[in-house]
PDB file of N, CA and C in Angstrom:
ATOM      1  N   MET A   1     134.225  15.595 195.404  1.00  0.00           N
ATOM      2  CA  MET A   1     133.183  14.591 195.253  1.00  0.00           C
ATOM      3  C   MET A   1     133.248  13.643 196.447  1.00  0.00           C
ATOM      4  N   ASN A   2     132.089  13.317 196.995  1.00  0.00           N
ATOM      5  CA  ASN A   2     132.004  12.427 198.139  1.00  0.00           C
ATOM      6  C   ASN A   2     131.419  11.102 197.682  1.00  0.00           C
ATOM      7  N   PHE A   3     132.219  10.053 197.692  1.00  0.00           N
ATOM      8  CA  PHE A   3     131.791   8.733 197.219  1.00  0.00           C
ATOM      9  C   PHE A   3     131.436   7.873 198.410  1.00  0.00           C
ATOM     10  N   GLN A   4     130.222   7.325 198.407  1.00  0.00           N
ATOM     11  CA  GLN A   4     129.807   6.419 199.466  1.00  0.00           C
ATOM     12  C   GLN A   4     129.520   5.055 198.865  1.00  0.00           C
ATOM     13  N   GLN A   5     130.189   4.066 199.376  1.00  0.00           N
ATOM     14  CA  GLN A   5     129.954   2.712 198.922  1.00  0.00           C
ATOM     15  C   GLN A   5     128.668   2.214 199.576  1.00  0.00           C
ATOM     16  N   HIS A   6     127.813   1.542 198.804  1.00  0.00           N
ATOM     17  CA  HIS A   6     126.504   1.113 199.289  1.00  0.00           C
ATOM     18  C   HIS A   6     126.605   0.196 200.502  1.00  0.00           C
ATOM     19  N   ASN A   7     127.354  -0.847 200.403  1.00  0.00           N
ATOM     20  CA  ASN A   7     127.495  -1.798 201.502  1.00  0.00           C
ATOM     21  C   ASN A   7     128.950  -2.266 201.549  1.00  0.00           C
ATOM     22  N   PRO A   8     129.830  -1.434 202.097  1.00  0.00           N
ATOM     23  CA  PRO A   8     131.250  -1.788 202.062  1.00  0.00           C
ATOM     24  C   PRO A   8     131.536  -3.035 202.897  1.00  0.00           C
ATOM     25  N   PRO A   9     132.416  -3.893 202.417  1.00  0.00           N
ATOM     26  CA  PRO A   9     132.768  -5.093 203.179  1.00  0.00           C
ATOM     27  C   PRO A   9     133.689  -4.738 204.335  1.00  0.00           C
ATOM     28  N   HIS A  10     133.678  -5.575 205.352  1.00  0.00           N
ATOM     29  CA  HIS A  10     134.670  -5.453 206.414  1.00  0.00           C
ATOM     30  C   HIS A  10     136.023  -5.785 205.776  1.00  0.00           C
ATOM     31  N   PRO A  11     137.096  -5.098 206.167  1.00  0.00           N
ATOM     32  CA  PRO A  11     138.409  -5.399 205.580  1.00  0.00           C
ATOM     33  C   PRO A  11     138.799  -6.872 205.685  1.00  0.00           C
ATOM     34  N   GLY A  12     138.378  -7.542 206.747  1.00  0.00           N
ATOM     35  CA  GLY A  12     138.684  -8.962 206.892  1.00  0.00           C
ATOM     36  C   GLY A  12     138.043  -9.797 205.796  1.00  0.00           C
ATOM     37  N   GLU A  13     136.829  -9.431 205.418  1.00  0.00           N
ATOM     38  CA  GLU A  13     136.145 -10.128 204.323  1.00  0.00           C
ATOM     39  C   GLU A  13     136.898  -9.928 203.014  1.00  0.00           C
ATOM     40  N   LEU A  14     137.357  -8.704 202.794  1.00  0.00           N
ATOM     41  CA  LEU A  14     138.132  -8.404 201.591  1.00  0.00           C
ATOM     42  C   LEU A  14     139.433  -9.198 201.569  1.00  0.00           C
ATOM     43  N   ILE A  15     140.106  -9.286 202.704  1.00  0.00           N
ATOM     44  CA  ILE A  15     141.358 -10.058 202.790  1.00  0.00           C
ATOM     45  C   ILE A  15     141.075 -11.526 202.470  1.00  0.00           C
ATOM     46  N   GLN A  16     140.029 -12.066 203.064  1.00  0.00           N
ATOM     47  CA  GLN A  16     139.664 -13.468 202.830  1.00  0.00           C
ATOM     48  C   GLN A  16     139.414 -13.721 201.345  1.00  0.00           C
ATOM     49  N   ARG A  17     138.587 -12.879 200.720  1.00  0.00           N
ATOM     50  CA  ARG A  17     138.212 -13.062 199.310  1.00  0.00           C
ATOM     51  C   ARG A  17     139.369 -12.826 198.345  1.00  0.00           C
ATOM     52  N   THR A  18     140.248 -11.888 198.686  1.00  0.00           N
ATOM     53  CA  THR A  18     141.291 -11.472 197.743  1.00  0.00           C
ATOM     54  C   THR A  18     142.613 -12.208 197.922  1.00  0.00           C
ATOM     55  N   TYR A  19     142.970 -12.469 199.169  1.00  0.00           N
ATOM     56  CA  TYR A  19     144.314 -12.982 199.434  1.00  0.00           C
ATOM     57  C   TYR A  19     144.371 -14.416 199.934  1.00  0.00           C
ATOM     58  N   ILE A  20     143.244 -14.977 200.346  1.00  0.00           N
ATOM     59  CA  ILE A  20     143.276 -16.341 200.883  1.00  0.00           C
ATOM     60  C   ILE A  20     142.505 -17.312 199.990  1.00  0.00           C
ATOM     61  N   ASP A  21     141.230 -17.033 199.742  1.00  0.00           N
ATOM     62  CA  ASP A  21     140.388 -17.970 198.989  1.00  0.00           C
ATOM     63  C   ASP A  21     140.940 -18.352 197.606  1.00  0.00           C
ATOM     64  N   PRO A  22     141.467 -17.396 196.833  1.00  0.00           N
ATOM     65  CA  PRO A  22     141.929 -17.767 195.483  1.00  0.00           C
ATOM     66  C   PRO A  22     143.224 -18.583 195.438  1.00  0.00           C
ATOM     67  N   PHE A  23     143.928 -18.670 196.552  1.00  0.00           N
ATOM     68  CA  PHE A  23     145.243 -19.299 196.544  1.00  0.00           C
ATOM     69  C   PHE A  23     145.288 -20.486 197.494  1.00  0.00           C
ATOM     70  N   ASN A  24     145.562 -21.662 196.955  1.00  0.00           N
ATOM     71  CA  ASN A  24     145.624 -22.871 197.771  1.00  0.00           C
ATOM     72  C   ASN A  24     146.719 -22.811 198.831  1.00  0.00           C
ATOM     73  N   GLU A  25     147.816 -22.137 198.520  1.00  0.00           N
ATOM     74  CA  GLU A  25     148.953 -22.110 199.433  1.00  0.00           C
ATOM     75  C   GLU A  25     148.805 -21.087 200.549  1.00  0.00           C
ATOM     76  N   MET A  26     147.864 -20.152 200.411  1.00  0.00           N
ATOM     77  CA  MET A  26     147.705 -19.110 201.419  1.00  0.00           C
ATOM     78  C   MET A  26     146.803 -19.603 202.547  1.00  0.00           C
ATOM     79  N   THR A  27     147.316 -19.498 203.764  1.00  0.00           N
ATOM     80  CA  THR A  27     146.555 -19.926 204.927  1.00  0.00           C
ATOM     81  C   THR A  27     146.522 -18.798 205.950  1.00  0.00           C
ATOM     82  N   VAL A  28     145.590 -18.892 206.862  1.00  0.00           N
ATOM     83  CA  VAL A  28     145.508 -17.924 207.947  1.00  0.00           C
ATOM     84  C   VAL A  28     146.804 -17.965 208.751  1.00  0.00           C
ATOM     85  N   ASN A  29     147.294 -19.156 209.040  1.00  0.00           N
ATOM     86  CA  ASN A  29     148.554 -19.287 209.786  1.00  0.00           C
ATOM     87  C   ASN A  29     149.715 -18.650 209.036  1.00  0.00           C
ATOM     88  N   GLY A  30     149.797 -18.911 207.748  1.00  0.00           N
ATOM     89  CA  GLY A  30     150.900 -18.373 206.960  1.00  0.00           C
ATOM     90  C   GLY A  30     150.901 -16.859 206.910  1.00  0.00           C
ATOM     91  N   ILE A  31     149.726 -16.273 206.688  1.00  0.00           N
ATOM     92  CA  ILE A  31     149.663 -14.815 206.612  1.00  0.00           C
ATOM     93  C   ILE A  31     149.868 -14.194 207.990  1.00  0.00           C
ATOM     94  N   SER A  32     149.292 -14.797 209.033  1.00  0.00           N
ATOM     95  CA  SER A  32     149.483 -14.230 210.374  1.00  0.00           C
ATOM     96  C   SER A  32     150.967 -14.275 210.758  1.00  0.00           C
ATOM     97  N   ASP A  33     151.670 -15.330 210.363  1.00  0.00           N
ATOM     98  CA  ASP A  33     153.119 -15.390 210.610  1.00  0.00           C
ATOM     99  C   ASP A  33     153.841 -14.260 209.890  1.00  0.00           C
ATOM    100  N   LYS A  34     153.499 -14.046 208.617  1.00  0.00           N
ATOM    101  CA  LYS A  34     154.135 -12.967 207.835  1.00  0.00           C
ATOM    102  C   LYS A  34     153.831 -11.604 208.439  1.00  0.00           C
ATOM    103  N   LEU A  35     152.609 -11.440 208.979  1.00  0.00           N
ATOM    104  CA  LEU A  35     152.224 -10.176 209.603  1.00  0.00           C
ATOM    105  C   LEU A  35     152.884  -9.980 210.966  1.00  0.00           C
ATOM    106  N   GLY A  36     153.360 -11.080 211.551  1.00  0.00           N
ATOM    107  CA  GLY A  36     153.958 -11.000 212.879  1.00  0.00           C
ATOM    108  C   GLY A  36     152.928 -10.839 213.984  1.00  0.00           C
ATOM    109  N   VAL A  37     151.735 -11.407 213.772  1.00  0.00           N
ATOM    110  CA  VAL A  37     150.677 -11.355 214.783  1.00  0.00           C
ATOM    111  C   VAL A  37     150.200 -12.774 215.076  1.00  0.00           C
ATOM    112  N   ALA A  38     149.539 -12.927 216.204  1.00  0.00           N
ATOM    113  CA  ALA A  38     148.998 -14.233 216.563  1.00  0.00           C
ATOM    114  C   ALA A  38     147.899 -14.636 215.593  1.00  0.00           C
ATOM    115  N   ARG A  39     147.770 -15.935 215.391  1.00  0.00           N
ATOM    116  CA  ARG A  39     146.723 -16.449 214.508  1.00  0.00           C
ATOM    117  C   ARG A  39     145.354 -15.979 214.975  1.00  0.00           C
ATOM    118  N   SER A  40     145.136 -15.961 216.287  1.00  0.00           N
ATOM    119  CA  SER A  40     143.839 -15.532 216.830  1.00  0.00           C
ATOM    120  C   SER A  40     143.560 -14.064 216.505  1.00  0.00           C
ATOM    121  N   THR A  41     144.583 -13.234 216.524  1.00  0.00           N
ATOM    122  CA  THR A  41     144.425 -11.815 216.183  1.00  0.00           C
ATOM    123  C   THR A  41     143.991 -11.667 214.734  1.00  0.00           C
ATOM    124  N   PHE A  42     144.654 -12.389 213.845  1.00  0.00           N
ATOM    125  CA  PHE A  42     144.328 -12.311 212.424  1.00  0.00           C
ATOM    126  C   PHE A  42     142.962 -12.936 212.147  1.00  0.00           C
ATOM    127  N   SER A  43     142.642 -14.016 212.824  1.00  0.00           N
ATOM    128  CA  SER A  43     141.329 -14.657 212.650  1.00  0.00           C
ATOM    129  C   SER A  43     140.201 -13.727 213.061  1.00  0.00           C
ATOM    130  N   ARG A  44     140.379 -12.995 214.159  1.00  0.00           N
ATOM    131  CA  ARG A  44     139.352 -12.036 214.586  1.00  0.00           C
ATOM    132  C   ARG A  44     139.136 -10.965 213.526  1.00  0.00           C
ATOM    133  N   LEU A  45     140.221 -10.521 212.897  1.00  0.00           N
ATOM    134  CA  LEU A  45     140.105  -9.538 211.822  1.00  0.00           C
ATOM    135  C   LEU A  45     139.345 -10.134 210.643  1.00  0.00           C
ATOM    136  N   LEU A  46     139.719 -11.340 210.232  1.00  0.00           N
ATOM    137  CA  LEU A  46     139.057 -11.988 209.099  1.00  0.00           C
ATOM    138  C   LEU A  46     137.567 -12.204 209.356  1.00  0.00           C
ATOM    139  N   ASN A  47     137.216 -12.495 210.607  1.00  0.00           N
ATOM    140  CA  ASN A  47     135.827 -12.772 210.963  1.00  0.00           C
ATOM    141  C   ASN A  47     135.029 -11.517 211.286  1.00  0.00           C
ATOM    142  N   GLY A  48     135.648 -10.347 211.144  1.00  0.00           N
ATOM    143  CA  GLY A  48     134.943  -9.097 211.413  1.00  0.00           C
ATOM    144  C   GLY A  48     134.736  -8.823 212.886  1.00  0.00           C
ATOM    145  N   GLN A  49     135.469  -9.523 213.743  1.00  0.00           N
ATOM    146  CA  GLN A  49     135.331  -9.341 215.186  1.00  0.00           C
ATOM    147  C   GLN A  49     136.277  -8.282 215.725  1.00  0.00           C
ATOM    148  N   SER A  50     137.224  -7.855 214.911  1.00  0.00           N
ATOM    149  CA  SER A  50     138.113  -6.766 215.292  1.00  0.00           C
ATOM    150  C   SER A  50     138.317  -5.867 214.078  1.00  0.00           C
ATOM    151  N   SER A  51     138.822  -4.689 214.346  1.00  0.00           N
ATOM    152  CA  SER A  51     139.003  -3.678 213.306  1.00  0.00           C
ATOM    153  C   SER A  51     140.464  -3.546 212.913  1.00  0.00           C
ATOM    154  N   VAL A  52     140.684  -2.935 211.768  1.00  0.00           N
ATOM    155  CA  VAL A  52     142.041  -2.614 211.333  1.00  0.00           C
ATOM    156  C   VAL A  52     142.512  -1.426 212.158  1.00  0.00           C
ATOM    157  N   SER A  53     143.538  -1.637 212.947  1.00  0.00           N
ATOM    158  CA  SER A  53     144.160  -0.566 213.728  1.00  0.00           C
ATOM    159  C   SER A  53     145.281   0.047 212.888  1.00  0.00           C
ATOM    160  N   PRO A  54     145.780   1.205 213.286  1.00  0.00           N
ATOM    161  CA  PRO A  54     146.930   1.753 212.549  1.00  0.00           C
ATOM    162  C   PRO A  54     148.111   0.782 212.489  1.00  0.00           C
ATOM    163  N   GLU A  55     148.365   0.059 213.589  1.00  0.00           N
ATOM    164  CA  GLU A  55     149.477  -0.906 213.594  1.00  0.00           C
ATOM    165  C   GLU A  55     149.230  -2.022 212.589  1.00  0.00           C
ATOM    166  N   ILE A  56     148.032  -2.572 212.595  1.00  0.00           N
ATOM    167  CA  ILE A  56     147.707  -3.648 211.644  1.00  0.00           C
ATOM    168  C   ILE A  56     147.726  -3.102 210.214  1.00  0.00           C
ATOM    169  N   ALA A  57     147.282  -1.857 210.034  1.00  0.00           N
ATOM    170  CA  ALA A  57     147.291  -1.250 208.694  1.00  0.00           C
ATOM    171  C   ALA A  57     148.710  -1.202 208.130  1.00  0.00           C
ATOM    172  N   VAL A  58     149.682  -0.848 208.965  1.00  0.00           N
ATOM    173  CA  VAL A  58     151.084  -0.814 208.509  1.00  0.00           C
ATOM    174  C   VAL A  58     151.550  -2.222 208.153  1.00  0.00           C
ATOM    175  N   ARG A  59     151.184  -3.183 208.978  1.00  0.00           N
ATOM    176  CA  ARG A  59     151.579  -4.575 208.718  1.00  0.00           C
ATOM    177  C   ARG A  59     150.918  -5.098 207.434  1.00  0.00           C
ATOM    178  N   LEU A  60     149.622  -4.847 207.274  1.00  0.00           N
ATOM    179  CA  LEU A  60     148.912  -5.297 206.067  1.00  0.00           C
ATOM    180  C   LEU A  60     149.515  -4.663 204.822  1.00  0.00           C
ATOM    181  N   SER A  61     149.835  -3.377 204.907  1.00  0.00           N
ATOM    182  CA  SER A  61     150.434  -2.673 203.776  1.00  0.00           C
ATOM    183  C   SER A  61     151.750  -3.310 203.368  1.00  0.00           C
ATOM    184  N   THR A  62     152.575  -3.638 204.344  1.00  0.00           N
ATOM    185  CA  THR A  62     153.884  -4.223 204.070  1.00  0.00           C
ATOM    186  C   THR A  62     153.762  -5.626 203.493  1.00  0.00           C
ATOM    187  N   VAL A  63     152.853  -6.432 204.035  1.00  0.00           N
ATOM    188  CA  VAL A  63     152.758  -7.841 203.653  1.00  0.00           C
ATOM    189  C   VAL A  63     151.839  -8.070 202.448  1.00  0.00           C
ATOM    190  N   LEU A  64     150.698  -7.383 202.397  1.00  0.00           N
ATOM    191  CA  LEU A  64     149.725  -7.634 201.326  1.00  0.00           C
ATOM    192  C   LEU A  64     149.706  -6.562 200.250  1.00  0.00           C
ATOM    193  N   GLY A  65     150.227  -5.378 200.562  1.00  0.00           N
ATOM    194  CA  GLY A  65     150.223  -4.292 199.593  1.00  0.00           C
ATOM    195  C   GLY A  65     149.203  -3.233 199.964  1.00  0.00           C
ATOM    196  N   GLY A  66     149.099  -2.230 199.119  1.00  0.00           N
ATOM    197  CA  GLY A  66     148.252  -1.091 199.424  1.00  0.00           C
ATOM    198  C   GLY A  66     148.937  -0.212 200.452  1.00  0.00           C
ATOM    199  N   SER A  67     148.346   0.913 200.727  1.00  0.00           N
ATOM    200  CA  SER A  67     148.931   1.808 201.715  1.00  0.00           C
ATOM    201  C   SER A  67     148.242   1.608 203.061  1.00  0.00           C
ATOM    202  N   PRO A  68     148.900   1.982 204.145  1.00  0.00           N
ATOM    203  CA  PRO A  68     148.221   1.918 205.439  1.00  0.00           C
ATOM    204  C   PRO A  68     146.941   2.754 205.440  1.00  0.00           C
ATOM    205  N   GLU A  69     147.008   3.889 204.747  1.00  0.00           N
ATOM    206  CA  GLU A  69     145.834   4.759 204.670  1.00  0.00           C
ATOM    207  C   GLU A  69     144.659   4.069 203.979  1.00  0.00           C
ATOM    208  N   SER A  70     144.950   3.260 202.964  1.00  0.00           N
ATOM    209  CA  SER A  70     143.864   2.569 202.259  1.00  0.00           C
ATOM    210  C   SER A  70     143.211   1.514 203.156  1.00  0.00           C
ATOM    211  N   TRP A  71     144.013   0.837 203.979  1.00  0.00           N
ATOM    212  CA  TRP A  71     143.452  -0.152 204.899  1.00  0.00           C
ATOM    213  C   TRP A  71     142.592   0.533 205.960  1.00  0.00           C
ATOM    214  N   LEU A  72     143.070   1.664 206.472  1.00  0.00           N
ATOM    215  CA  LEU A  72     142.286   2.405 207.459  1.00  0.00           C
ATOM    216  C   LEU A  72     141.026   2.994 206.834  1.00  0.00           C
ATOM    217  N   SER A  73     141.121   3.413 205.585  1.00  0.00           N
ATOM    218  CA  SER A  73     139.954   3.951 204.883  1.00  0.00           C
ATOM    219  C   SER A  73     138.883   2.872 204.690  1.00  0.00           C
ATOM    220  N   LEU A  74     139.310   1.660 204.349  1.00  0.00           N
ATOM    221  CA  LEU A  74     138.357   0.551 204.226  1.00  0.00           C
ATOM    222  C   LEU A  74     137.625   0.321 205.543  1.00  0.00           C
ATOM    223  N   GLN A  75     138.373   0.336 206.645  1.00  0.00           N
ATOM    224  CA  GLN A  75     137.762   0.144 207.952  1.00  0.00           C
ATOM    225  C   GLN A  75     136.818   1.298 208.277  1.00  0.00           C
ATOM    226  N   GLY A  76     137.248   2.521 207.981  1.00  0.00           N
ATOM    227  CA  GLY A  76     136.414   3.692 208.236  1.00  0.00           C
ATOM    228  C   GLY A  76     135.119   3.664 207.444  1.00  0.00           C
ATOM    229  N   SER A  77     135.187   3.257 206.195  1.00  0.00           N
ATOM    230  CA  SER A  77     133.981   3.161 205.365  1.00  0.00           C
ATOM    231  C   SER A  77     133.014   2.132 205.925  1.00  0.00           C
ATOM    232  N   PHE A  78     133.547   1.005 206.355  1.00  0.00           N
ATOM    233  CA  PHE A  78     132.717  -0.044 206.947  1.00  0.00           C
ATOM    234  C   PHE A  78     132.063   0.467 208.233  1.00  0.00           C
ATOM    235  N   ASN A  79     132.859   1.100 209.098  1.00  0.00           N
ATOM    236  CA  ASN A  79     132.339   1.607 210.371  1.00  0.00           C
ATOM    237  C   ASN A  79     131.259   2.671 210.155  1.00  0.00           C
ATOM    238  N   LEU A  80     131.501   3.582 209.220  1.00  0.00           N
ATOM    239  CA  LEU A  80     130.540   4.647 208.960  1.00  0.00           C
ATOM    240  C   LEU A  80     129.235   4.095 208.398  1.00  0.00           C
ATOM    241  N   HIS A  81     129.336   3.122 207.521  1.00  0.00           N
ATOM    242  CA  HIS A  81     128.131   2.494 206.971  1.00  0.00           C
ATOM    243  C   HIS A  81     127.294   1.870 208.085  1.00  0.00           C
ATOM    244  N   LYS A  82     127.953   1.163 208.989  1.00  0.00           N
ATOM    245  CA  LYS A  82     127.244   0.539 210.117  1.00  0.00           C
ATOM    246  C   LYS A  82     126.623   1.598 211.023  1.00  0.00           C
ATOM    247  N   ALA A  83     127.351   2.688 211.297  1.00  0.00           N
ATOM    248  CA  ALA A  83     126.829   3.756 212.156  1.00  0.00           C
ATOM    249  C   ALA A  83     125.601   4.405 211.536  1.00  0.00           C
ATOM    250  N   ARG A  84     125.629   4.621 210.220  1.00  0.00           N
ATOM    251  CA  ARG A  84     124.472   5.230 209.544  1.00  0.00           C
ATOM    252  C   ARG A  84     123.227   4.358 209.647  1.00  0.00           C
ATOM    253  N   GLN A  85     123.431   3.068 209.802  1.00  0.00           N
ATOM    254  CA  GLN A  85     122.290   2.167 209.931  1.00  0.00           C
ATOM    255  C   GLN A  85     121.651   2.241 211.313  1.00  0.00           C
ATOM    256  N   ILE A  86     122.407   2.625 212.332  1.00  0.00           N
ATOM    257  CA  ILE A  86     121.854   2.576 213.688  1.00  0.00           C
ATOM    258  C   ILE A  86     121.627   3.945 214.327  1.00  0.00           C
ATOM    259  N   VAL A  87     122.266   4.998 213.828  1.00  0.00           N
ATOM    260  CA  VAL A  87     122.116   6.319 214.428  1.00  0.00           C
ATOM    261  C   VAL A  87     120.931   7.037 213.801  1.00  0.00           C
ATOM    262  N   ASP A  88     120.015   7.507 214.656  1.00  0.00           N
ATOM    263  CA  ASP A  88     118.870   8.290 214.189  1.00  0.00           C
ATOM    264  C   ASP A  88     119.212   9.769 214.348  1.00  0.00           C
ATOM    265  N   ALA A  89     119.539  10.422 213.244  1.00  0.00           N
ATOM    266  CA  ALA A  89     119.905  11.834 213.267  1.00  0.00           C
ATOM    267  C   ALA A  89     118.751  12.718 212.803  1.00  0.00           C
ATOM    268  N   SER A  90     117.562  12.141 212.668  1.00  0.00           N
ATOM    269  CA  SER A  90     116.430  12.888 212.113  1.00  0.00           C
ATOM    270  C   SER A  90     116.015  14.071 212.987  1.00  0.00           C
ATOM    271  N   GLY A  91     116.240  14.022 214.285  1.00  0.00           N
ATOM    272  CA  GLY A  91     115.853  15.117 215.168  1.00  0.00           C
ATOM    273  C   GLY A  91     116.957  16.136 215.396  1.00  0.00           C
ATOM    274  N   LEU A  92     118.068  15.979 214.705  1.00  0.00           N
ATOM    275  CA  LEU A  92     119.191  16.894 214.885  1.00  0.00           C
ATOM    276  C   LEU A  92     119.142  18.012 213.861  1.00  0.00           C
ATOM    277  N   GLU A  93     119.640  19.185 214.243  1.00  0.00           N
ATOM    278  CA  GLU A  93     119.694  20.326 213.323  1.00  0.00           C
ATOM    279  C   GLU A  93     121.111  20.884 213.286  1.00  0.00           C
ATOM    280  N   ARG A  94     121.507  21.342 212.104  1.00  0.00           N
ATOM    281  CA  ARG A  94     122.823  21.963 211.940  1.00  0.00           C
ATOM    282  C   ARG A  94     122.822  23.333 212.619  1.00  0.00           C
ATOM    283  N   ILE A  95     123.918  23.665 213.263  1.00  0.00           N
ATOM    284  CA  ILE A  95     124.075  24.986 213.865  1.00  0.00           C
ATOM    285  C   ILE A  95     124.462  25.968 212.766  1.00  0.00           C
ATOM    286  N   ASP A  96     123.767  27.084 212.703  1.00  0.00           N
ATOM    287  CA  ASP A  96     124.101  28.135 211.746  1.00  0.00           C
ATOM    288  C   ASP A  96     125.048  29.103 212.429  1.00  0.00           C
ATOM    289  N   PHE A  97     126.341  28.920 212.239  1.00  0.00           N
ATOM    290  CA  PHE A  97     127.342  29.728 212.915  1.00  0.00           C
ATOM    291  C   PHE A  97     127.362  31.166 212.443  1.00  0.00           C
ATOM    292  N   SER A  98     126.775  31.431 211.302  1.00  0.00           N
ATOM    293  CA  SER A  98     126.731  32.829 210.835  1.00  0.00           C
ATOM    294  C   SER A  98     125.749  33.647 211.680  1.00  0.00           C
ATOM    295  N   GLN A  99     124.906  32.987 212.419  1.00  0.00           N
ATOM    296  CA  GLN A  99     123.919  33.654 213.266  1.00  0.00           C
ATOM    297  C   GLN A  99     124.349  33.717 214.735  1.00  0.00           C
ATOM    298  N   VAL A 100     125.468  33.102 215.072  1.00  0.00           N
ATOM    299  CA  VAL A 100     125.944  33.085 216.455  1.00  0.00           C
ATOM    300  C   VAL A 100     126.771  34.328 216.712  1.00  0.00           C
ATOM    301  N   GLU A 101     126.502  34.970 217.830  1.00  0.00           N
ATOM    302  CA  GLU A 101     127.249  36.214 218.160  1.00  0.00           C
ATOM    303  C   GLU A 101     128.507  35.889 218.909  1.00  0.00           C
TER     304      GLU A 101
END
């Protein structure tokens, strides 16, 4: 089964809503320190200006939970949704490899 989320959030938005907004004690500085990254690096992620890299995925998994694969999957879903909005594939045709000699 292929599940497509209608409008997946950027992982940074999910982090903001899930791990920062509900908790008074959680700050961008505090989490970026725990992640071992610069505040500016983490802020860019939260603001959707950068993507979850494999390195950040491992760090997020260790500090916030979930697997690195789940963090990368969230980023992939977001990226694919955005690409589907801008790529015009209407003039493309699938190659029928059973007909290729």
